[in-house]
Amino acid sequence: MKMLSVRDRRDRPPEEGVVAELQGFAVDKAFFTSHKGILLETELDFLRCVSAIIIFLVVSFAAVTSRDGAAIAAFVFGIILVSVFAYDAFKIYWTEMAPRAIQGDQQ
């Protein structure tokens, strides 16, 4: 599948239908199977875990300030979720990102 640049699409006559509207959003599957694509997916997954940790910590500490029974339960549940996301981020880092960094240093 050939990816078209903006210049190539500008010089061609416009096509009709939904396919013409979605042509600019074609996904290059070769990129996602390449080394950079896999690393991008891993980095996005790691950032998802880190952002979830930050959000759950902020919400948990904001909830516990009201000192209701439900707020304390929300705080405990939030801390449990933070630990789960932290473990996930740890596993992603050591299985996906750290070996690639070591391989990059050796080359």
PDB file of N, CA and C in Angstrom:
ATOM      1  N   MET A   1       0.850  -1.173   0.000  1.00  0.00           N
ATOM      2  CA  MET A   1       0.000   0.000   0.000  1.00  0.00           C
ATOM      3  C   MET A   1       0.892   1.231   0.000  1.00  0.00           C
ATOM      4  N   LYS A   2       0.685   2.063  -0.956  1.00  0.00           N
ATOM      5  CA  LYS A   2       1.495   3.261  -1.101  1.00  0.00           C
ATOM      6  C   LYS A   2       0.837   4.417  -0.356  1.00  0.00           C
ATOM      7  N   MET A   3       1.609   5.064   0.493  1.00  0.00           N
ATOM      8  CA  MET A   3       1.100   6.227   1.213  1.00  0.00           C
ATOM      9  C   MET A   3       1.277   7.458   0.325  1.00  0.00           C
ATOM     10  N   LEU A   4       0.230   8.244   0.201  1.00  0.00           N
ATOM     11  CA  LEU A   4       0.267   9.423  -0.644  1.00  0.00           C
ATOM     12  C   LEU A   4       0.529  10.661   0.191  1.00  0.00           C
ATOM     13  N   SER A   5       1.334  11.522  -0.336  1.00  0.00           N
ATOM     14  CA  SER A   5       1.587  12.776   0.361  1.00  0.00           C
ATOM     15  C   SER A   5       0.486  13.771   0.021  1.00  0.00           C
ATOM     16  N   VAL A   6       0.509  14.906   0.694  1.00  0.00           N
ATOM     17  CA  VAL A   6      -0.490  15.948   0.438  1.00  0.00           C
ATOM     18  C   VAL A   6      -0.351  16.456  -0.984  1.00  0.00           C
ATOM     19  N   ARG A   7       0.854  16.576  -1.460  1.00  0.00           N
ATOM     20  CA  ARG A   7       1.084  17.061  -2.824  1.00  0.00           C
ATOM     21  C   ARG A   7       0.501  16.096  -3.852  1.00  0.00           C
ATOM     22  N   ASP A   8       0.647  14.787  -3.638  1.00  0.00           N
ATOM     23  CA  ASP A   8       0.093  13.808  -4.568  1.00  0.00           C
ATOM     24  C   ASP A   8      -1.425  13.870  -4.589  1.00  0.00           C
ATOM     25  N   ARG A   9      -2.047  14.031  -3.426  1.00  0.00           N
ATOM     26  CA  ARG A   9      -3.504  14.104  -3.372  1.00  0.00           C
ATOM     27  C   ARG A   9      -4.022  15.409  -3.942  1.00  0.00           C
ATOM     28  N   ARG A  10      -3.249  16.460  -3.842  1.00  0.00           N
ATOM     29  CA  ARG A  10      -3.697  17.751  -4.354  1.00  0.00           C
ATOM     30  C   ARG A  10      -3.727  17.755  -5.874  1.00  0.00           C
ATOM     31  N   ASP A  11      -2.809  17.055  -6.513  1.00  0.00           N
ATOM     32  CA  ASP A  11      -2.709  17.060  -7.964  1.00  0.00           C
ATOM     33  C   ASP A  11      -3.721  16.132  -8.630  1.00  0.00           C
ATOM     34  N   ARG A  12      -4.286  15.201  -7.903  1.00  0.00           N
ATOM     35  CA  ARG A  12      -5.261  14.276  -8.488  1.00  0.00           C
ATOM     36  C   ARG A  12      -6.651  14.868  -8.429  1.00  0.00           C
ATOM     37  N   PRO A  13      -7.546  14.421  -9.325  1.00  0.00           N
ATOM     38  CA  PRO A  13      -8.940  14.879  -9.244  1.00  0.00           C
ATOM     39  C   PRO A  13      -9.614  14.288  -8.012  1.00  0.00           C
ATOM     40  N   PRO A  14     -10.570  14.983  -7.419  1.00  0.00           N
ATOM     41  CA  PRO A  14     -11.232  14.470  -6.203  1.00  0.00           C
ATOM     42  C   PRO A  14     -12.042  13.217  -6.502  1.00  0.00           C
ATOM     43  N   GLU A  15     -12.041  12.276  -5.557  1.00  0.00           N
ATOM     44  CA  GLU A  15     -12.811  11.044  -5.687  1.00  0.00           C
ATOM     45  C   GLU A  15     -14.126  11.203  -4.942  1.00  0.00           C
ATOM     46  N   GLU A  16     -15.061  10.360  -5.257  1.00  0.00           N
ATOM     47  CA  GLU A  16     -16.390  10.436  -4.657  1.00  0.00           C
ATOM     48  C   GLU A  16     -16.530   9.431  -3.524  1.00  0.00           C
ATOM     49  N   GLY A  17     -17.380   9.730  -2.551  1.00  0.00           N
ATOM     50  CA  GLY A  17     -17.775   8.766  -1.541  1.00  0.00           C
ATOM     51  C   GLY A  17     -16.978   8.832  -0.247  1.00  0.00           C
ATOM     52  N   VAL A  18     -17.296   7.885   0.619  1.00  0.00           N
ATOM     53  CA  VAL A  18     -16.703   7.814   1.944  1.00  0.00           C
ATOM     54  C   VAL A  18     -15.233   7.403   1.862  1.00  0.00           C
ATOM     55  N   VAL A  19     -14.893   6.579   0.893  1.00  0.00           N
ATOM     56  CA  VAL A  19     -13.517   6.123   0.752  1.00  0.00           C
ATOM     57  C   VAL A  19     -12.589   7.301   0.500  1.00  0.00           C
ATOM     58  N   ALA A  20     -13.031   8.263  -0.257  1.00  0.00           N
ATOM     59  CA  ALA A  20     -12.204   9.438  -0.530  1.00  0.00           C
ATOM     60  C   ALA A  20     -11.974  10.251   0.732  1.00  0.00           C
ATOM     61  N   GLU A  21     -12.973  10.315   1.616  1.00  0.00           N
ATOM     62  CA  GLU A  21     -12.820  11.075   2.854  1.00  0.00           C
ATOM     63  C   GLU A  21     -11.850  10.398   3.812  1.00  0.00           C
ATOM     64  N   LEU A  22     -11.824   9.067   3.815  1.00  0.00           N
ATOM     65  CA  LEU A  22     -10.990   8.331   4.751  1.00  0.00           C
ATOM     66  C   LEU A  22      -9.604   8.013   4.199  1.00  0.00           C
ATOM     67  N   GLN A  23      -9.324   8.362   2.965  1.00  0.00           N
ATOM     68  CA  GLN A  23      -8.055   8.003   2.353  1.00  0.00           C
ATOM     69  C   GLN A  23      -6.876   8.662   3.067  1.00  0.00           C
ATOM     70  N   GLY A  24      -7.041   9.853   3.585  1.00  0.00           N
ATOM     71  CA  GLY A  24      -5.967  10.525   4.294  1.00  0.00           C
ATOM     72  C   GLY A  24      -5.649   9.907   5.644  1.00  0.00           C
ATOM     73  N   PHE A  25      -6.537   9.048   6.136  1.00  0.00           N
ATOM     74  CA  PHE A  25      -6.346   8.423   7.446  1.00  0.00           C
ATOM     75  C   PHE A  25      -5.935   6.967   7.327  1.00  0.00           C
ATOM     76  N   ALA A  26      -5.324   6.585   6.218  1.00  0.00           N
ATOM     77  CA  ALA A  26      -4.903   5.200   6.026  1.00  0.00           C
ATOM     78  C   ALA A  26      -3.804   4.853   7.028  1.00  0.00           C
ATOM     79  N   VAL A  27      -3.883   3.653   7.579  1.00  0.00           N
ATOM     80  CA  VAL A  27      -2.915   3.193   8.569  1.00  0.00           C
ATOM     81  C   VAL A  27      -1.843   2.386   7.854  1.00  0.00           C
ATOM     82  N   ASP A  28      -0.612   2.715   8.120  1.00  0.00           N
ATOM     83  CA  ASP A  28       0.499   1.977   7.545  1.00  0.00           C
ATOM     84  C   ASP A  28       0.838   0.824   8.481  1.00  0.00           C
ATOM     85  N   LYS A  29       0.400  -0.385   8.121  1.00  0.00           N
ATOM     86  CA  LYS A  29       0.592  -1.542   8.999  1.00  0.00           C
ATOM     87  C   LYS A  29       2.056  -1.937   9.089  1.00  0.00           C
ATOM     88  N   ALA A  30       2.839  -1.602   8.101  1.00  0.00           N
ATOM     89  CA  ALA A  30       4.269  -1.931   8.156  1.00  0.00           C
ATOM     90  C   ALA A  30       4.959  -1.134   9.259  1.00  0.00           C
ATOM     91  N   PHE A  31       4.477   0.089   9.521  1.00  0.00           N
ATOM     92  CA  PHE A  31       5.073   0.893  10.590  1.00  0.00           C
ATOM     93  C   PHE A  31       4.833   0.266  11.951  1.00  0.00           C
ATOM     94  N   PHE A  32       3.605  -0.222  12.181  1.00  0.00           N
ATOM     95  CA  PHE A  32       3.284  -0.775  13.492  1.00  0.00           C
ATOM     96  C   PHE A  32       3.977  -2.106  13.749  1.00  0.00           C
ATOM     97  N   THR A  33       4.418  -2.802  12.712  1.00  0.00           N
ATOM     98  CA  THR A  33       5.170  -4.034  12.915  1.00  0.00           C
ATOM     99  C   THR A  33       6.674  -3.789  12.926  1.00  0.00           C
ATOM    100  N   SER A  34       7.100  -2.570  12.606  1.00  0.00           N
ATOM    101  CA  SER A  34       8.526  -2.258  12.627  1.00  0.00           C
ATOM    102  C   SER A  34       8.987  -2.012  14.066  1.00  0.00           C
ATOM    103  N   HIS A  35      10.294  -1.861  14.235  1.00  0.00           N
ATOM    104  CA  HIS A  35      10.875  -1.629  15.564  1.00  0.00           C
ATOM    105  C   HIS A  35      10.351  -0.332  16.174  1.00  0.00           C
ATOM    106  N   LYS A  36      10.279   0.725  15.377  1.00  0.00           N
ATOM    107  CA  LYS A  36       9.798   2.008  15.898  1.00  0.00           C
ATOM    108  C   LYS A  36       8.329   1.943  16.266  1.00  0.00           C
ATOM    109  N   GLY A  37       7.531   1.228  15.507  1.00  0.00           N
ATOM    110  CA  GLY A  37       6.107   1.106  15.813  1.00  0.00           C
ATOM    111  C   GLY A  37       5.850   0.339  17.091  1.00  0.00           C
ATOM    112  N   ILE A  38       6.604  -0.733  17.291  1.00  0.00           N
ATOM    113  CA  ILE A  38       6.454  -1.518  18.524  1.00  0.00           C
ATOM    114  C   ILE A  38       6.905  -0.699  19.723  1.00  0.00           C
ATOM    115  N   LEU A  39       7.993   0.049  19.556  1.00  0.00           N
ATOM    116  CA  LEU A  39       8.473   0.895  20.649  1.00  0.00           C
ATOM    117  C   LEU A  39       7.476   2.011  20.958  1.00  0.00           C
ATOM    118  N   LEU A  40       6.841   2.581  19.932  1.00  0.00           N
ATOM    119  CA  LEU A  40       5.827   3.611  20.146  1.00  0.00           C
ATOM    120  C   LEU A  40       4.645   3.049  20.921  1.00  0.00           C
ATOM    121  N   GLU A  41       4.208   1.852  20.549  1.00  0.00           N
ATOM    122  CA  GLU A  41       3.095   1.228  21.257  1.00  0.00           C
ATOM    123  C   GLU A  41       3.449   0.957  22.716  1.00  0.00           C
ATOM    124  N   THR A  42       4.664   0.511  22.960  1.00  0.00           N
ATOM    125  CA  THR A  42       5.117   0.239  24.327  1.00  0.00           C
ATOM    126  C   THR A  42       5.203   1.526  25.137  1.00  0.00           C
ATOM    127  N   GLU A  43       5.739   2.578  24.529  1.00  0.00           N
ATOM    128  CA  GLU A  43       5.846   3.853  25.238  1.00  0.00           C
ATOM    129  C   GLU A  43       4.475   4.423  25.557  1.00  0.00           C
ATOM    130  N   LEU A  44       3.519   4.298  24.646  1.00  0.00           N
ATOM    131  CA  LEU A  44       2.171   4.788  24.915  1.00  0.00           C
ATOM    132  C   LEU A  44       1.504   3.985  26.028  1.00  0.00           C
ATOM    133  N   ASP A  45       1.744   2.681  26.056  1.00  0.00           N
ATOM    134  CA  ASP A  45       1.189   1.857  27.125  1.00  0.00           C
ATOM    135  C   ASP A  45       1.801   2.228  28.466  1.00  0.00           C
ATOM    136  N   PHE A  46       3.102   2.490  28.477  1.00  0.00           N
ATOM    137  CA  PHE A  46       3.777   2.917  29.707  1.00  0.00           C
ATOM    138  C   PHE A  46       3.238   4.273  30.170  1.00  0.00           C
ATOM    139  N   LEU A  47       3.056   5.206  29.251  1.00  0.00           N
ATOM    140  CA  LEU A  47       2.516   6.521  29.619  1.00  0.00           C
ATOM    141  C   LEU A  47       1.075   6.423  30.118  1.00  0.00           C
ATOM    142  N   ARG A  48       0.315   5.457  29.587  1.00  0.00           N
ATOM    143  CA  ARG A  48      -1.048   5.239  30.076  1.00  0.00           C
ATOM    144  C   ARG A  48      -1.010   4.838  31.536  1.00  0.00           C
ATOM    145  N   CYS A  49      -0.086   3.953  31.886  1.00  0.00           N
ATOM    146  CA  CYS A  49       0.029   3.511  33.287  1.00  0.00           C
ATOM    147  C   CYS A  49       0.455   4.656  34.201  1.00  0.00           C
ATOM    148  N   VAL A  50       1.427   5.431  33.762  1.00  0.00           N
ATOM    149  CA  VAL A  50       1.912   6.538  34.593  1.00  0.00           C
ATOM    150  C   VAL A  50       0.826   7.597  34.779  1.00  0.00           C
ATOM    151  N   SER A  51       0.099   7.920  33.712  1.00  0.00           N
ATOM    152  CA  SER A  51      -0.961   8.926  33.849  1.00  0.00           C
ATOM    153  C   SER A  51      -2.094   8.408  34.731  1.00  0.00           C
ATOM    154  N   ALA A  52      -2.409   7.109  34.660  1.00  0.00           N
ATOM    155  CA  ALA A  52      -3.440   6.541  35.537  1.00  0.00           C
ATOM    156  C   ALA A  52      -3.006   6.589  36.997  1.00  0.00           C
ATOM    157  N   ILE A  53      -1.725   6.349  37.250  1.00  0.00           N
ATOM    158  CA  ILE A  53      -1.206   6.431  38.619  1.00  0.00           C
ATOM    159  C   ILE A  53      -1.393   7.847  39.168  1.00  0.00           C
ATOM    160  N   ILE A  54      -1.027   8.839  38.380  1.00  0.00           N
ATOM    161  CA  ILE A  54      -1.139  10.234  38.827  1.00  0.00           C
ATOM    162  C   ILE A  54      -2.595  10.603  39.068  1.00  0.00           C
ATOM    163  N   ILE A  55      -3.477  10.243  38.134  1.00  0.00           N
ATOM    164  CA  ILE A  55      -4.896  10.601  38.272  1.00  0.00           C
ATOM    165  C   ILE A  55      -5.509   9.926  39.492  1.00  0.00           C
ATOM    166  N   PHE A  56      -5.251   8.630  39.681  1.00  0.00           N
ATOM    167  CA  PHE A  56      -5.841   7.929  40.824  1.00  0.00           C
ATOM    168  C   PHE A  56      -5.288   8.435  42.153  1.00  0.00           C
ATOM    169  N   LEU A  57      -4.019   8.801  42.195  1.00  0.00           N
ATOM    170  CA  LEU A  57      -3.485   9.374  43.437  1.00  0.00           C
ATOM    171  C   LEU A  57      -4.148  10.692  43.775  1.00  0.00           C
ATOM    172  N   VAL A  58      -4.298  11.563  42.799  1.00  0.00           N
ATOM    173  CA  VAL A  58      -4.924  12.869  43.046  1.00  0.00           C
ATOM    174  C   VAL A  58      -6.377  12.695  43.477  1.00  0.00           C
ATOM    175  N   VAL A  59      -7.119  11.849  42.771  1.00  0.00           N
ATOM    176  CA  VAL A  59      -8.531  11.647  43.110  1.00  0.00           C
ATOM    177  C   VAL A  59      -8.667  10.966  44.470  1.00  0.00           C
ATOM    178  N   SER A  60      -7.800  10.020  44.769  1.00  0.00           N
ATOM    179  CA  SER A  60      -7.882   9.327  46.060  1.00  0.00           C
ATOM    180  C   SER A  60      -7.624  10.272  47.223  1.00  0.00           C
ATOM    181  N   PHE A  61      -6.590  11.103  47.097  1.00  0.00           N
ATOM    182  CA  PHE A  61      -6.311  12.045  48.184  1.00  0.00           C
ATOM    183  C   PHE A  61      -7.367  13.144  48.270  1.00  0.00           C
ATOM    184  N   ALA A  62      -7.960  13.520  47.149  1.00  0.00           N
ATOM    185  CA  ALA A  62      -9.051  14.503  47.199  1.00  0.00           C
ATOM    186  C   ALA A  62     -10.293  13.904  47.843  1.00  0.00           C
ATOM    187  N   ALA A  63     -10.547  12.610  47.611  1.00  0.00           N
ATOM    188  CA  ALA A  63     -11.725  11.967  48.183  1.00  0.00           C
ATOM    189  C   ALA A  63     -11.588  11.767  49.689  1.00  0.00           C
ATOM    190  N   VAL A  64     -10.391  11.472  50.169  1.00  0.00           N
ATOM    191  CA  VAL A  64     -10.226  11.178  51.582  1.00  0.00           C
ATOM    192  C   VAL A  64     -10.311  12.433  52.453  1.00  0.00           C
ATOM    193  N   THR A  65     -10.245  13.605  51.866  1.00  0.00           N
ATOM    194  CA  THR A  65     -10.325  14.830  52.663  1.00  0.00           C
ATOM    195  C   THR A  65     -11.709  15.054  53.261  1.00  0.00           C
ATOM    196  N   SER A  66     -12.756  14.437  52.678  1.00  0.00           N
ATOM    197  CA  SER A  66     -14.102  14.632  53.238  1.00  0.00           C
ATOM    198  C   SER A  66     -14.355  13.740  54.460  1.00  0.00           C
ATOM    199  N   ARG A  67     -13.555  12.726  54.660  1.00  0.00           N
ATOM    200  CA  ARG A  67     -13.591  11.835  55.816  1.00  0.00           C
ATOM    201  C   ARG A  67     -14.921  11.100  56.014  1.00  0.00           C
ATOM    202  N   ASP A  68     -15.648  10.879  54.931  1.00  0.00           N
ATOM    203  CA  ASP A  68     -16.841  10.028  54.999  1.00  0.00           C
ATOM    204  C   ASP A  68     -16.423   8.579  54.857  1.00  0.00           C
ATOM    205  N   GLY A  69     -17.327   7.663  55.188  1.00  0.00           N
ATOM    206  CA  GLY A  69     -17.019   6.244  55.048  1.00  0.00           C
ATOM    207  C   GLY A  69     -16.789   5.863  53.594  1.00  0.00           C
ATOM    208  N   ALA A  70     -17.605   6.406  52.699  1.00  0.00           N
ATOM    209  CA  ALA A  70     -17.448   6.098  51.277  1.00  0.00           C
ATOM    210  C   ALA A  70     -16.164   6.710  50.729  1.00  0.00           C
ATOM    211  N   ALA A  71     -15.766   7.852  51.238  1.00  0.00           N
ATOM    212  CA  ALA A  71     -14.545   8.496  50.769  1.00  0.00           C
ATOM    213  C   ALA A  71     -13.321   7.701  51.182  1.00  0.00           C
ATOM    214  N   ILE A  72     -13.361   7.143  52.382  1.00  0.00           N
ATOM    215  CA  ILE A  72     -12.234   6.321  52.826  1.00  0.00           C
ATOM    216  C   ILE A  72     -12.160   5.039  52.001  1.00  0.00           C
ATOM    217  N   ALA A  73     -13.317   4.463  51.675  1.00  0.00           N
ATOM    218  CA  ALA A  73     -13.332   3.276  50.805  1.00  0.00           C
ATOM    219  C   ALA A  73     -12.809   3.626  49.415  1.00  0.00           C
ATOM    220  N   ALA A  74     -13.169   4.800  48.911  1.00  0.00           N
ATOM    221  CA  ALA A  74     -12.662   5.243  47.611  1.00  0.00           C
ATOM    222  C   ALA A  74     -11.146   5.439  47.654  1.00  0.00           C
ATOM    223  N   PHE A  75     -10.649   5.946  48.764  1.00  0.00           N
ATOM    224  CA  PHE A  75      -9.200   6.123  48.918  1.00  0.00           C
ATOM    225  C   PHE A  75      -8.483   4.779  48.895  1.00  0.00           C
ATOM    226  N   VAL A  76      -9.006   3.804  49.626  1.00  0.00           N
ATOM    227  CA  VAL A  76      -8.379   2.475  49.664  1.00  0.00           C
ATOM    228  C   VAL A  76      -8.431   1.833  48.282  1.00  0.00           C
ATOM    229  N   PHE A  77      -9.575   1.938  47.606  1.00  0.00           N
ATOM    230  CA  PHE A  77      -9.697   1.389  46.264  1.00  0.00           C
ATOM    231  C   PHE A  77      -8.743   2.085  45.303  1.00  0.00           C
ATOM    232  N   GLY A  78      -8.594   3.403  45.435  1.00  0.00           N
ATOM    233  CA  GLY A  78      -7.665   4.145  44.592  1.00  0.00           C
ATOM    234  C   GLY A  78      -6.221   3.734  44.817  1.00  0.00           C
ATOM    235  N   ILE A  79      -5.847   3.512  46.071  1.00  0.00           N
ATOM    236  CA  ILE A  79      -4.482   3.069  46.377  1.00  0.00           C
ATOM    237  C   ILE A  79      -4.229   1.670  45.807  1.00  0.00           C
ATOM    238  N   ILE A  80      -5.238   0.793  45.867  1.00  0.00           N
ATOM    239  CA  ILE A  80      -5.099  -0.532  45.262  1.00  0.00           C
ATOM    240  C   ILE A  80      -4.906  -0.407  43.754  1.00  0.00           C
ATOM    241  N   LEU A  81      -5.686   0.457  43.105  1.00  0.00           N
ATOM    242  CA  LEU A  81      -5.534   0.668  41.660  1.00  0.00           C
ATOM    243  C   LEU A  81      -4.183   1.285  41.317  1.00  0.00           C
ATOM    244  N   VAL A  82      -3.706   2.184  42.147  1.00  0.00           N
ATOM    245  CA  VAL A  82      -2.378   2.773  41.917  1.00  0.00           C
ATOM    246  C   VAL A  82      -1.314   1.696  41.967  1.00  0.00           C
ATOM    247  N   SER A  83      -1.428   0.784  42.929  1.00  0.00           N
ATOM    248  CA  SER A  83      -0.430  -0.285  43.017  1.00  0.00           C
ATOM    249  C   SER A  83      -0.516  -1.225  41.810  1.00  0.00           C
ATOM    250  N   VAL A  84      -1.714  -1.492  41.308  1.00  0.00           N
ATOM    251  CA  VAL A  84      -1.863  -2.341  40.123  1.00  0.00           C
ATOM    252  C   VAL A  84      -1.246  -1.655  38.902  1.00  0.00           C
ATOM    253  N   PHE A  85      -1.523  -0.376  38.706  1.00  0.00           N
ATOM    254  CA  PHE A  85      -0.947   0.344  37.572  1.00  0.00           C
ATOM    255  C   PHE A  85       0.566   0.504  37.713  1.00  0.00           C
ATOM    256  N   ALA A  86       1.049   0.665  38.926  1.00  0.00           N
ATOM    257  CA  ALA A  86       2.494   0.764  39.133  1.00  0.00           C
ATOM    258  C   ALA A  86       3.176  -0.565  38.801  1.00  0.00           C
ATOM    259  N   TYR A  87       2.562  -1.667  39.184  1.00  0.00           N
ATOM    260  CA  TYR A  87       3.110  -2.977  38.835  1.00  0.00           C
ATOM    261  C   TYR A  87       3.100  -3.181  37.319  1.00  0.00           C
ATOM    262  N   ASP A  88       2.017  -2.750  36.669  1.00  0.00           N
ATOM    263  CA  ASP A  88       1.933  -2.861  35.212  1.00  0.00           C
ATOM    264  C   ASP A  88       3.017  -2.023  34.542  1.00  0.00           C
ATOM    265  N   ALA A  89       3.232  -0.803  35.012  1.00  0.00           N
ATOM    266  CA  ALA A  89       4.281   0.052  34.450  1.00  0.00           C
ATOM    267  C   ALA A  89       5.656  -0.559  34.681  1.00  0.00           C
ATOM    268  N   PHE A  90       5.871  -1.144  35.853  1.00  0.00           N
ATOM    269  CA  PHE A  90       7.136  -1.805  36.158  1.00  0.00           C
ATOM    270  C   PHE A  90       7.390  -2.976  35.207  1.00  0.00           C
ATOM    271  N   LYS A  91       6.365  -3.809  34.989  1.00  0.00           N
ATOM    272  CA  LYS A  91       6.510  -4.949  34.092  1.00  0.00           C
ATOM    273  C   LYS A  91       6.730  -4.496  32.651  1.00  0.00           C
ATOM    274  N   ILE A  92       6.031  -3.460  32.217  1.00  0.00           N
ATOM    275  CA  ILE A  92       6.222  -2.943  30.858  1.00  0.00           C
ATOM    276  C   ILE A  92       7.638  -2.434  30.693  1.00  0.00           C
ATOM    277  N   TYR A  93       8.126  -1.713  31.682  1.00  0.00           N
ATOM    278  CA  TYR A  93       9.479  -1.162  31.574  1.00  0.00           C
ATOM    279  C   TYR A  93      10.522  -2.266  31.490  1.00  0.00           C
ATOM    280  N   TRP A  94      10.458  -3.238  32.384  1.00  0.00           N
ATOM    281  CA  TRP A  94      11.508  -4.249  32.429  1.00  0.00           C
ATOM    282  C   TRP A  94      11.405  -5.279  31.318  1.00  0.00           C
ATOM    283  N   THR A  95      10.215  -5.543  30.774  1.00  0.00           N
ATOM    284  CA  THR A  95      10.109  -6.538  29.711  1.00  0.00           C
ATOM    285  C   THR A  95      10.215  -5.932  28.326  1.00  0.00           C
ATOM    286  N   GLU A  96       9.794  -4.692  28.145  1.00  0.00           N
ATOM    287  CA  GLU A  96       9.758  -4.113  26.806  1.00  0.00           C
ATOM    288  C   GLU A  96      10.792  -3.016  26.580  1.00  0.00           C
ATOM    289  N   MET A  97      10.941  -2.099  27.530  1.00  0.00           N
ATOM    290  CA  MET A  97      11.761  -0.920  27.284  1.00  0.00           C
ATOM    291  C   MET A  97      13.217  -1.108  27.696  1.00  0.00           C
ATOM    292  N   ALA A  98      13.482  -1.731  28.811  1.00  0.00           N
ATOM    293  CA  ALA A  98      14.858  -1.888  29.285  1.00  0.00           C
ATOM    294  C   ALA A  98      15.704  -2.778  28.378  1.00  0.00           C
ATOM    295  N   PRO A  99      15.192  -3.916  27.879  1.00  0.00           N
ATOM    296  CA  PRO A  99      16.040  -4.718  26.969  1.00  0.00           C
ATOM    297  C   PRO A  99      16.412  -3.970  25.692  1.00  0.00           C
ATOM    298  N   ARG A 100      15.515  -3.145  25.176  1.00  0.00           N
ATOM    299  CA  ARG A 100      15.822  -2.385  23.958  1.00  0.00           C
ATOM    300  C   ARG A 100      16.860  -1.317  24.242  1.00  0.00           C
ATOM    301  N   ALA A 101      16.822  -0.709  25.415  1.00  0.00           N
ATOM    302  CA  ALA A 101      17.819   0.298  25.760  1.00  0.00           C
ATOM    303  C   ALA A 101      19.202  -0.347  25.905  1.00  0.00           C
ATOM    304  N   ILE A 102      19.254  -1.543  26.480  1.00  0.00           N
ATOM    305  CA  ILE A 102      20.522  -2.256  26.619  1.00  0.00           C
ATOM    306  C   ILE A 102      21.047  -2.677  25.255  1.00  0.00           C
ATOM    307  N   GLN A 103      20.167  -3.137  24.365  1.00  0.00           N
ATOM    308  CA  GLN A 103      20.576  -3.531  23.024  1.00  0.00           C
ATOM    309  C   GLN A 103      21.070  -2.328  22.235  1.00  0.00           C
ATOM    310  N   GLY A 104      20.447  -1.168  22.438  1.00  0.00           N
ATOM    311  CA  GLY A 104      20.880   0.047  21.754  1.00  0.00           C
ATOM    312  C   GLY A 104      22.262   0.492  22.225  1.00  0.00           C
ATOM    313  N   ASP A 105      22.583   0.273  23.500  1.00  0.00           N
ATOM    314  CA  ASP A 105      23.905   0.645  24.024  1.00  0.00           C
ATOM    315  C   ASP A 105      24.992  -0.271  23.484  1.00  0.00           C
ATOM    316  N   GLN A 106      24.659  -1.542  23.255  1.00  0.00           N
ATOM    317  CA  GLN A 106      25.656  -2.498  22.781  1.00  0.00           C
ATOM    318  C   GLN A 106      26.000  -2.291  21.310  1.00  0.00           C
ATOM    319  N   GLN A 107      25.082  -1.724  20.536  1.00  0.00           N
ATOM    320  CA  GLN A 107      25.314  -1.536  19.110  1.00  0.00           C
ATOM    321  C   GLN A 107      26.068  -0.296  18.874  1.00  0.00           C
TER     322      GLN A 107
END
